[in-house]
Amino acid sequence: MNLPERFPPDDPREWLNRARSNLALAKNRIPDAYLEDLCFEAQQAAEKAIKAVLIRSGIEFPYVHDLARLLSLLEESGIPVPDVVRRAEELTPYAMIGRYPGPTRPVSPDDHATAVELSEAVVRWAETNL
C-alpha cells in the first residue's frame, strides 16, 4: 500500500491528501456501516478540499463544518466557485445530524451516491486550484 507523502499541517497539499483519504472512505460500502457515516466522510472530504484552496489562497477561515460559509470566503476573495462545487453545501448536514442517533431518516443509497458525487467534484476542483 502506497501512502501519500506527508506535508506540514499548514500545507494545502496535506489538506488535499486528507480530503482524498476521506473520499476513499466515503466511497467504500463497508458491510454493517451506516450510510450516514459514509456521508460524513464525503462531507469531510469536501470540507478539507475547500480548506486546502483557502490555505493556498492565503485566506484565513474558521474551523467550522459549514460549507456554504467556507465557499463564501472564497467568493468574497474573488475566487470563482463553480455551481457543482457550490452544490456541496448540501453535504453540511452530514457533518452533524447524521453522525448520531436521532430523529433523522436513514440515508438512502441514492443520497449516499449523490454525496460521493458532490464530494468528488469538490476534490477534483481543489486539485485544479492548488
N, C-alpha and C. Protein backbone atom coordinates (compact mmCIF):
# COMPACT_ATOMS: atom_id res chain seq x y z
N MET A 1 0.85 -1.17 0.00
CA MET A 1 0.00 0.00 0.00
C MET A 1 0.89 1.23 0.00
N ASN A 2 0.66 2.13 -0.95
CA ASN A 2 1.43 3.37 -1.03
C ASN A 2 0.68 4.48 -0.34
N LEU A 3 1.25 5.00 0.72
CA LEU A 3 0.65 6.12 1.42
C LEU A 3 1.15 7.41 0.79
N PRO A 4 0.31 8.46 0.78
CA PRO A 4 0.76 9.72 0.18
C PRO A 4 1.85 10.35 1.03
N GLU A 5 2.66 11.17 0.36
CA GLU A 5 3.69 11.92 1.08
C GLU A 5 3.01 12.84 2.09
N ARG A 6 3.58 12.93 3.28
CA ARG A 6 3.03 13.81 4.32
C ARG A 6 3.66 15.19 4.21
N PHE A 7 2.84 16.20 4.49
CA PHE A 7 3.29 17.58 4.46
C PHE A 7 2.91 18.24 5.79
N PRO A 8 3.49 19.39 6.10
CA PRO A 8 3.13 20.10 7.33
C PRO A 8 1.64 20.47 7.32
N PRO A 9 1.06 20.67 8.51
CA PRO A 9 -0.38 20.95 8.59
C PRO A 9 -0.81 22.27 7.96
N ASP A 10 0.13 23.16 7.70
CA ASP A 10 -0.24 24.42 7.05
C ASP A 10 -0.03 24.37 5.54
N ASP A 11 0.27 23.19 5.03
CA ASP A 11 0.48 22.99 3.59
C ASP A 11 -0.83 22.51 2.97
N PRO A 12 -1.32 23.21 1.95
CA PRO A 12 -2.60 22.79 1.35
C PRO A 12 -2.56 21.38 0.77
N ARG A 13 -1.38 20.91 0.40
CA ARG A 13 -1.28 19.54 -0.12
C ARG A 13 -1.66 18.50 0.92
N GLU A 14 -1.34 18.80 2.20
CA GLU A 14 -1.72 17.85 3.26
C GLU A 14 -3.23 17.84 3.45
N TRP A 15 -3.84 19.02 3.36
CA TRP A 15 -5.30 19.09 3.47
C TRP A 15 -5.95 18.33 2.32
N LEU A 16 -5.37 18.44 1.13
CA LEU A 16 -5.92 17.71 -0.01
C LEU A 16 -5.69 16.21 0.14
N ASN A 17 -4.55 15.82 0.69
CA ASN A 17 -4.32 14.39 0.98
C ASN A 17 -5.40 13.86 1.91
N ARG A 18 -5.69 14.63 2.96
CA ARG A 18 -6.71 14.19 3.92
C ARG A 18 -8.08 14.15 3.25
N ALA A 19 -8.36 15.10 2.37
CA ALA A 19 -9.63 15.09 1.63
C ALA A 19 -9.74 13.82 0.79
N ARG A 20 -8.67 13.46 0.12
CA ARG A 20 -8.68 12.24 -0.70
C ARG A 20 -8.90 11.00 0.17
N SER A 21 -8.30 11.00 1.36
CA SER A 21 -8.47 9.88 2.28
C SER A 21 -9.94 9.77 2.72
N ASN A 22 -10.54 10.90 3.10
CA ASN A 22 -11.96 10.89 3.48
C ASN A 22 -12.82 10.43 2.31
N LEU A 23 -12.49 10.86 1.10
CA LEU A 23 -13.26 10.47 -0.08
C LEU A 23 -13.15 8.96 -0.31
N ALA A 24 -11.96 8.41 -0.14
CA ALA A 24 -11.79 6.95 -0.30
C ALA A 24 -12.67 6.20 0.70
N LEU A 25 -12.72 6.69 1.93
CA LEU A 25 -13.59 6.06 2.93
C LEU A 25 -15.06 6.19 2.54
N ALA A 26 -15.45 7.37 2.06
CA ALA A 26 -16.85 7.61 1.70
C ALA A 26 -17.32 6.68 0.58
N LYS A 27 -16.43 6.33 -0.32
CA LYS A 27 -16.78 5.51 -1.48
C LYS A 27 -16.95 4.03 -1.14
N ASN A 28 -16.37 3.60 -0.04
CA ASN A 28 -16.39 2.18 0.31
C ASN A 28 -17.65 1.79 1.05
N ARG A 29 -18.45 0.98 0.41
CA ARG A 29 -19.66 0.45 1.04
C ARG A 29 -19.25 -0.73 1.90
N ILE A 30 -18.89 -0.44 3.12
CA ILE A 30 -18.40 -1.44 4.05
C ILE A 30 -19.61 -2.16 4.67
N PRO A 31 -19.59 -3.49 4.71
CA PRO A 31 -20.70 -4.19 5.37
C PRO A 31 -20.89 -3.69 6.80
N ASP A 32 -22.13 -3.53 7.18
CA ASP A 32 -22.53 -3.10 8.52
C ASP A 32 -22.25 -1.62 8.82
N ALA A 33 -21.74 -0.86 7.85
CA ALA A 33 -21.51 0.57 8.07
C ALA A 33 -22.76 1.34 7.66
N TYR A 34 -23.14 2.28 8.49
CA TYR A 34 -24.26 3.16 8.16
C TYR A 34 -23.87 4.09 7.01
N LEU A 35 -24.80 4.30 6.10
CA LEU A 35 -24.55 5.24 5.01
C LEU A 35 -24.36 6.66 5.55
N GLU A 36 -24.97 6.96 6.68
CA GLU A 36 -24.78 8.28 7.30
C GLU A 36 -23.30 8.52 7.61
N ASP A 37 -22.63 7.47 8.08
CA ASP A 37 -21.21 7.60 8.42
C ASP A 37 -20.37 7.80 7.16
N LEU A 38 -20.75 7.14 6.09
CA LEU A 38 -20.02 7.31 4.84
C LEU A 38 -20.28 8.71 4.26
N CYS A 39 -21.48 9.22 4.45
CA CYS A 39 -21.78 10.58 4.01
C CYS A 39 -21.02 11.62 4.84
N PHE A 40 -20.79 11.32 6.11
CA PHE A 40 -19.95 12.18 6.93
C PHE A 40 -18.55 12.26 6.31
N GLU A 41 -18.03 11.14 5.87
CA GLU A 41 -16.71 11.13 5.23
C GLU A 41 -16.73 11.95 3.94
N ALA A 42 -17.83 11.88 3.19
CA ALA A 42 -17.95 12.69 1.97
C ALA A 42 -17.94 14.17 2.31
N GLN A 43 -18.65 14.54 3.37
CA GLN A 43 -18.68 15.94 3.79
C GLN A 43 -17.28 16.38 4.21
N GLN A 44 -16.59 15.53 4.97
CA GLN A 44 -15.25 15.88 5.42
C GLN A 44 -14.29 16.04 4.25
N ALA A 45 -14.42 15.21 3.23
CA ALA A 45 -13.58 15.34 2.04
C ALA A 45 -13.79 16.69 1.38
N ALA A 46 -15.04 17.07 1.21
CA ALA A 46 -15.34 18.37 0.59
C ALA A 46 -14.82 19.51 1.45
N GLU A 47 -15.05 19.43 2.74
CA GLU A 47 -14.60 20.49 3.66
C GLU A 47 -13.09 20.66 3.61
N LYS A 48 -12.35 19.58 3.68
CA LYS A 48 -10.89 19.67 3.68
C LYS A 48 -10.36 20.13 2.33
N ALA A 49 -11.02 19.74 1.25
CA ALA A 49 -10.60 20.21 -0.07
C ALA A 49 -10.81 21.72 -0.20
N ILE A 50 -11.94 22.21 0.28
CA ILE A 50 -12.21 23.65 0.26
C ILE A 50 -11.18 24.38 1.12
N LYS A 51 -10.89 23.84 2.28
CA LYS A 51 -9.91 24.48 3.17
C LYS A 51 -8.51 24.46 2.54
N ALA A 52 -8.20 23.45 1.75
CA ALA A 52 -6.91 23.44 1.04
C ALA A 52 -6.81 24.64 0.10
N VAL A 53 -7.90 24.92 -0.61
CA VAL A 53 -7.91 26.07 -1.52
C VAL A 53 -7.82 27.37 -0.73
N LEU A 54 -8.50 27.44 0.39
CA LEU A 54 -8.41 28.63 1.24
C LEU A 54 -6.97 28.85 1.71
N ILE A 55 -6.32 27.80 2.16
CA ILE A 55 -4.93 27.91 2.61
C ILE A 55 -4.04 28.34 1.45
N ARG A 56 -4.20 27.70 0.31
CA ARG A 56 -3.39 28.04 -0.88
C ARG A 56 -3.57 29.50 -1.25
N SER A 57 -4.74 30.04 -1.01
CA SER A 57 -5.06 31.42 -1.38
C SER A 57 -4.73 32.41 -0.28
N GLY A 58 -4.23 31.91 0.84
CA GLY A 58 -3.88 32.79 1.95
C GLY A 58 -5.07 33.38 2.67
N ILE A 59 -6.19 32.67 2.63
CA ILE A 59 -7.42 33.14 3.26
C ILE A 59 -7.61 32.43 4.59
N GLU A 60 -7.70 33.20 5.66
CA GLU A 60 -7.97 32.60 6.96
C GLU A 60 -9.43 32.15 7.01
N PHE A 61 -9.65 31.07 7.73
CA PHE A 61 -11.00 30.52 7.82
C PHE A 61 -11.26 30.00 9.22
N PRO A 62 -12.53 30.00 9.61
CA PRO A 62 -12.88 29.41 10.90
C PRO A 62 -12.94 27.88 10.78
N TYR A 63 -12.71 27.21 11.87
CA TYR A 63 -12.82 25.75 11.87
C TYR A 63 -14.29 25.40 12.11
N VAL A 64 -15.04 25.42 11.00
CA VAL A 64 -16.46 25.11 11.01
C VAL A 64 -16.73 24.06 9.94
N HIS A 65 -17.89 23.45 10.03
CA HIS A 65 -18.30 22.45 9.04
C HIS A 65 -19.25 23.03 7.99
N ASP A 66 -19.53 24.31 8.08
CA ASP A 66 -20.49 24.99 7.21
C ASP A 66 -19.85 25.27 5.85
N LEU A 67 -20.14 24.41 4.88
CA LEU A 67 -19.51 24.53 3.57
C LEU A 67 -19.93 25.80 2.84
N ALA A 68 -21.17 26.25 3.03
CA ALA A 68 -21.61 27.50 2.41
C ALA A 68 -20.76 28.67 2.90
N ARG A 69 -20.50 28.70 4.18
CA ARG A 69 -19.69 29.77 4.75
C ARG A 69 -18.27 29.74 4.20
N LEU A 70 -17.68 28.56 4.12
CA LEU A 70 -16.33 28.43 3.59
C LEU A 70 -16.25 28.83 2.12
N LEU A 71 -17.23 28.41 1.35
CA LEU A 71 -17.25 28.77 -0.07
C LEU A 71 -17.46 30.27 -0.26
N SER A 72 -18.24 30.87 0.62
CA SER A 72 -18.45 32.32 0.55
C SER A 72 -17.14 33.08 0.77
N LEU A 73 -16.29 32.57 1.64
CA LEU A 73 -14.99 33.20 1.86
C LEU A 73 -14.16 33.22 0.57
N LEU A 74 -14.24 32.14 -0.17
CA LEU A 74 -13.52 32.09 -1.45
C LEU A 74 -14.08 33.11 -2.43
N GLU A 75 -15.40 33.12 -2.55
CA GLU A 75 -16.03 34.05 -3.49
C GLU A 75 -15.77 35.50 -3.11
N GLU A 76 -15.82 35.79 -1.82
CA GLU A 76 -15.55 37.16 -1.36
C GLU A 76 -14.12 37.59 -1.67
N SER A 77 -13.23 36.63 -1.84
CA SER A 77 -11.84 36.93 -2.17
C SER A 77 -11.59 36.90 -3.67
N GLY A 78 -12.66 36.77 -4.44
CA GLY A 78 -12.54 36.80 -5.90
C GLY A 78 -12.26 35.47 -6.56
N ILE A 79 -12.37 34.39 -5.82
CA ILE A 79 -12.14 33.06 -6.39
C ILE A 79 -13.48 32.51 -6.83
N PRO A 80 -13.65 32.28 -8.14
CA PRO A 80 -14.94 31.76 -8.62
C PRO A 80 -15.18 30.33 -8.14
N VAL A 81 -16.40 30.07 -7.76
CA VAL A 81 -16.81 28.74 -7.30
C VAL A 81 -17.83 28.20 -8.29
N PRO A 82 -17.50 27.13 -9.01
CA PRO A 82 -18.45 26.56 -9.97
C PRO A 82 -19.73 26.07 -9.28
N ASP A 83 -20.81 26.03 -10.03
CA ASP A 83 -22.10 25.60 -9.48
C ASP A 83 -22.03 24.21 -8.85
N VAL A 84 -21.32 23.28 -9.48
CA VAL A 84 -21.25 21.92 -8.93
C VAL A 84 -20.53 21.92 -7.58
N VAL A 85 -19.57 22.80 -7.40
CA VAL A 85 -18.88 22.91 -6.11
C VAL A 85 -19.79 23.58 -5.10
N ARG A 86 -20.51 24.60 -5.54
CA ARG A 86 -21.46 25.29 -4.66
C ARG A 86 -22.51 24.32 -4.14
N ARG A 87 -22.89 23.34 -4.94
CA ARG A 87 -23.88 22.34 -4.51
C ARG A 87 -23.40 21.52 -3.32
N ALA A 88 -22.09 21.52 -3.07
CA ALA A 88 -21.56 20.77 -1.94
C ALA A 88 -22.11 21.27 -0.62
N GLU A 89 -22.71 22.46 -0.61
CA GLU A 89 -23.38 22.96 0.60
C GLU A 89 -24.37 21.93 1.13
N GLU A 90 -24.92 21.13 0.23
CA GLU A 90 -25.89 20.10 0.62
C GLU A 90 -25.28 19.07 1.56
N LEU A 91 -23.97 18.98 1.60
CA LEU A 91 -23.30 17.99 2.46
C LEU A 91 -23.19 18.43 3.91
N THR A 92 -23.35 19.72 4.17
CA THR A 92 -23.15 20.25 5.52
C THR A 92 -23.92 19.48 6.60
N PRO A 93 -25.18 19.14 6.40
CA PRO A 93 -25.88 18.42 7.48
C PRO A 93 -25.23 17.09 7.86
N TYR A 94 -24.52 16.46 6.94
CA TYR A 94 -23.88 15.19 7.27
C TYR A 94 -22.76 15.35 8.30
N ALA A 95 -22.28 16.58 8.48
CA ALA A 95 -21.22 16.81 9.46
C ALA A 95 -21.73 16.72 10.88
N MET A 96 -23.04 16.84 11.05
CA MET A 96 -23.58 16.87 12.41
C MET A 96 -24.69 15.86 12.62
N ILE A 97 -25.83 16.10 12.00
CA ILE A 97 -27.02 15.34 12.38
C ILE A 97 -26.95 13.86 12.03
N GLY A 98 -26.23 13.51 11.00
CA GLY A 98 -26.19 12.11 10.59
C GLY A 98 -25.24 11.26 11.38
N ARG A 99 -24.41 11.86 12.21
CA ARG A 99 -23.38 11.09 12.92
C ARG A 99 -23.87 10.48 14.22
N TYR A 100 -25.02 10.89 14.69
CA TYR A 100 -25.51 10.43 15.98
C TYR A 100 -26.92 9.88 15.83
N PRO A 101 -27.32 8.98 16.71
CA PRO A 101 -28.71 8.51 16.68
C PRO A 101 -29.65 9.70 16.88
N GLY A 102 -30.71 9.70 16.14
CA GLY A 102 -31.64 10.81 16.28
C GLY A 102 -32.86 10.64 15.39
N PRO A 103 -33.61 11.70 15.28
CA PRO A 103 -34.88 11.63 14.57
C PRO A 103 -34.78 11.72 13.04
N THR A 104 -33.59 11.83 12.50
CA THR A 104 -33.48 11.96 11.05
C THR A 104 -33.73 10.62 10.36
N ARG A 105 -34.20 10.71 9.14
CA ARG A 105 -34.43 9.48 8.38
C ARG A 105 -33.11 8.88 7.95
N PRO A 106 -33.04 7.58 7.78
CA PRO A 106 -31.79 6.96 7.31
C PRO A 106 -31.43 7.48 5.92
N VAL A 107 -30.15 7.52 5.65
CA VAL A 107 -29.65 7.92 4.33
C VAL A 107 -29.92 6.79 3.36
N SER A 108 -30.43 7.13 2.21
CA SER A 108 -30.70 6.13 1.17
C SER A 108 -29.45 5.90 0.33
N PRO A 109 -29.41 4.80 -0.40
CA PRO A 109 -28.29 4.60 -1.33
C PRO A 109 -28.16 5.74 -2.34
N ASP A 110 -29.28 6.29 -2.79
CA ASP A 110 -29.22 7.42 -3.72
C ASP A 110 -28.62 8.66 -3.05
N ASP A 111 -29.00 8.90 -1.79
CA ASP A 111 -28.42 10.02 -1.04
C ASP A 111 -26.91 9.85 -0.93
N HIS A 112 -26.49 8.64 -0.63
CA HIS A 112 -25.06 8.35 -0.50
C HIS A 112 -24.34 8.59 -1.82
N ALA A 113 -24.91 8.09 -2.90
CA ALA A 113 -24.29 8.27 -4.22
C ALA A 113 -24.15 9.75 -4.57
N THR A 114 -25.17 10.53 -4.26
CA THR A 114 -25.11 11.98 -4.51
C THR A 114 -24.02 12.63 -3.66
N ALA A 115 -23.93 12.24 -2.40
CA ALA A 115 -22.91 12.80 -1.52
C ALA A 115 -21.51 12.52 -2.05
N VAL A 116 -21.29 11.31 -2.51
CA VAL A 116 -19.97 10.95 -3.06
C VAL A 116 -19.70 11.74 -4.34
N GLU A 117 -20.69 11.87 -5.20
CA GLU A 117 -20.51 12.63 -6.45
C GLU A 117 -20.16 14.08 -6.16
N LEU A 118 -20.86 14.70 -5.22
CA LEU A 118 -20.58 16.09 -4.88
C LEU A 118 -19.18 16.22 -4.29
N SER A 119 -18.83 15.32 -3.42
CA SER A 119 -17.52 15.35 -2.79
C SER A 119 -16.41 15.16 -3.83
N GLU A 120 -16.61 14.24 -4.73
CA GLU A 120 -15.62 14.03 -5.80
C GLU A 120 -15.43 15.30 -6.63
N ALA A 121 -16.52 15.97 -6.93
CA ALA A 121 -16.44 17.21 -7.72
C ALA A 121 -15.63 18.27 -6.99
N VAL A 122 -15.83 18.39 -5.69
CA VAL A 122 -15.09 19.38 -4.91
C VAL A 122 -13.60 19.03 -4.86
N VAL A 123 -13.28 17.77 -4.65
CA VAL A 123 -11.87 17.36 -4.58
C VAL A 123 -11.21 17.61 -5.93
N ARG A 124 -11.86 17.25 -7.02
CA ARG A 124 -11.29 17.49 -8.36
C ARG A 124 -11.05 18.98 -8.58
N TRP A 125 -12.03 19.81 -8.20
CA TRP A 125 -11.91 21.25 -8.34
C TRP A 125 -10.72 21.78 -7.52
N ALA A 126 -10.60 21.30 -6.29
CA ALA A 126 -9.49 21.74 -5.44
C ALA A 126 -8.15 21.34 -6.05
N GLU A 127 -8.08 20.16 -6.63
CA GLU A 127 -6.84 19.70 -7.25
C GLU A 127 -6.41 20.66 -8.37
N THR A 128 -7.36 21.21 -9.09
CA THR A 128 -7.02 22.14 -10.17
C THR A 128 -6.69 23.53 -9.65
N ASN A 129 -6.97 23.81 -8.38
CA ASN A 129 -6.71 25.11 -7.79
C ASN A 129 -5.52 25.13 -6.85
N LEU A 130 -4.76 24.05 -6.82
CA LEU A 130 -3.55 24.04 -5.97
C LEU A 130 -2.30 24.11 -6.82
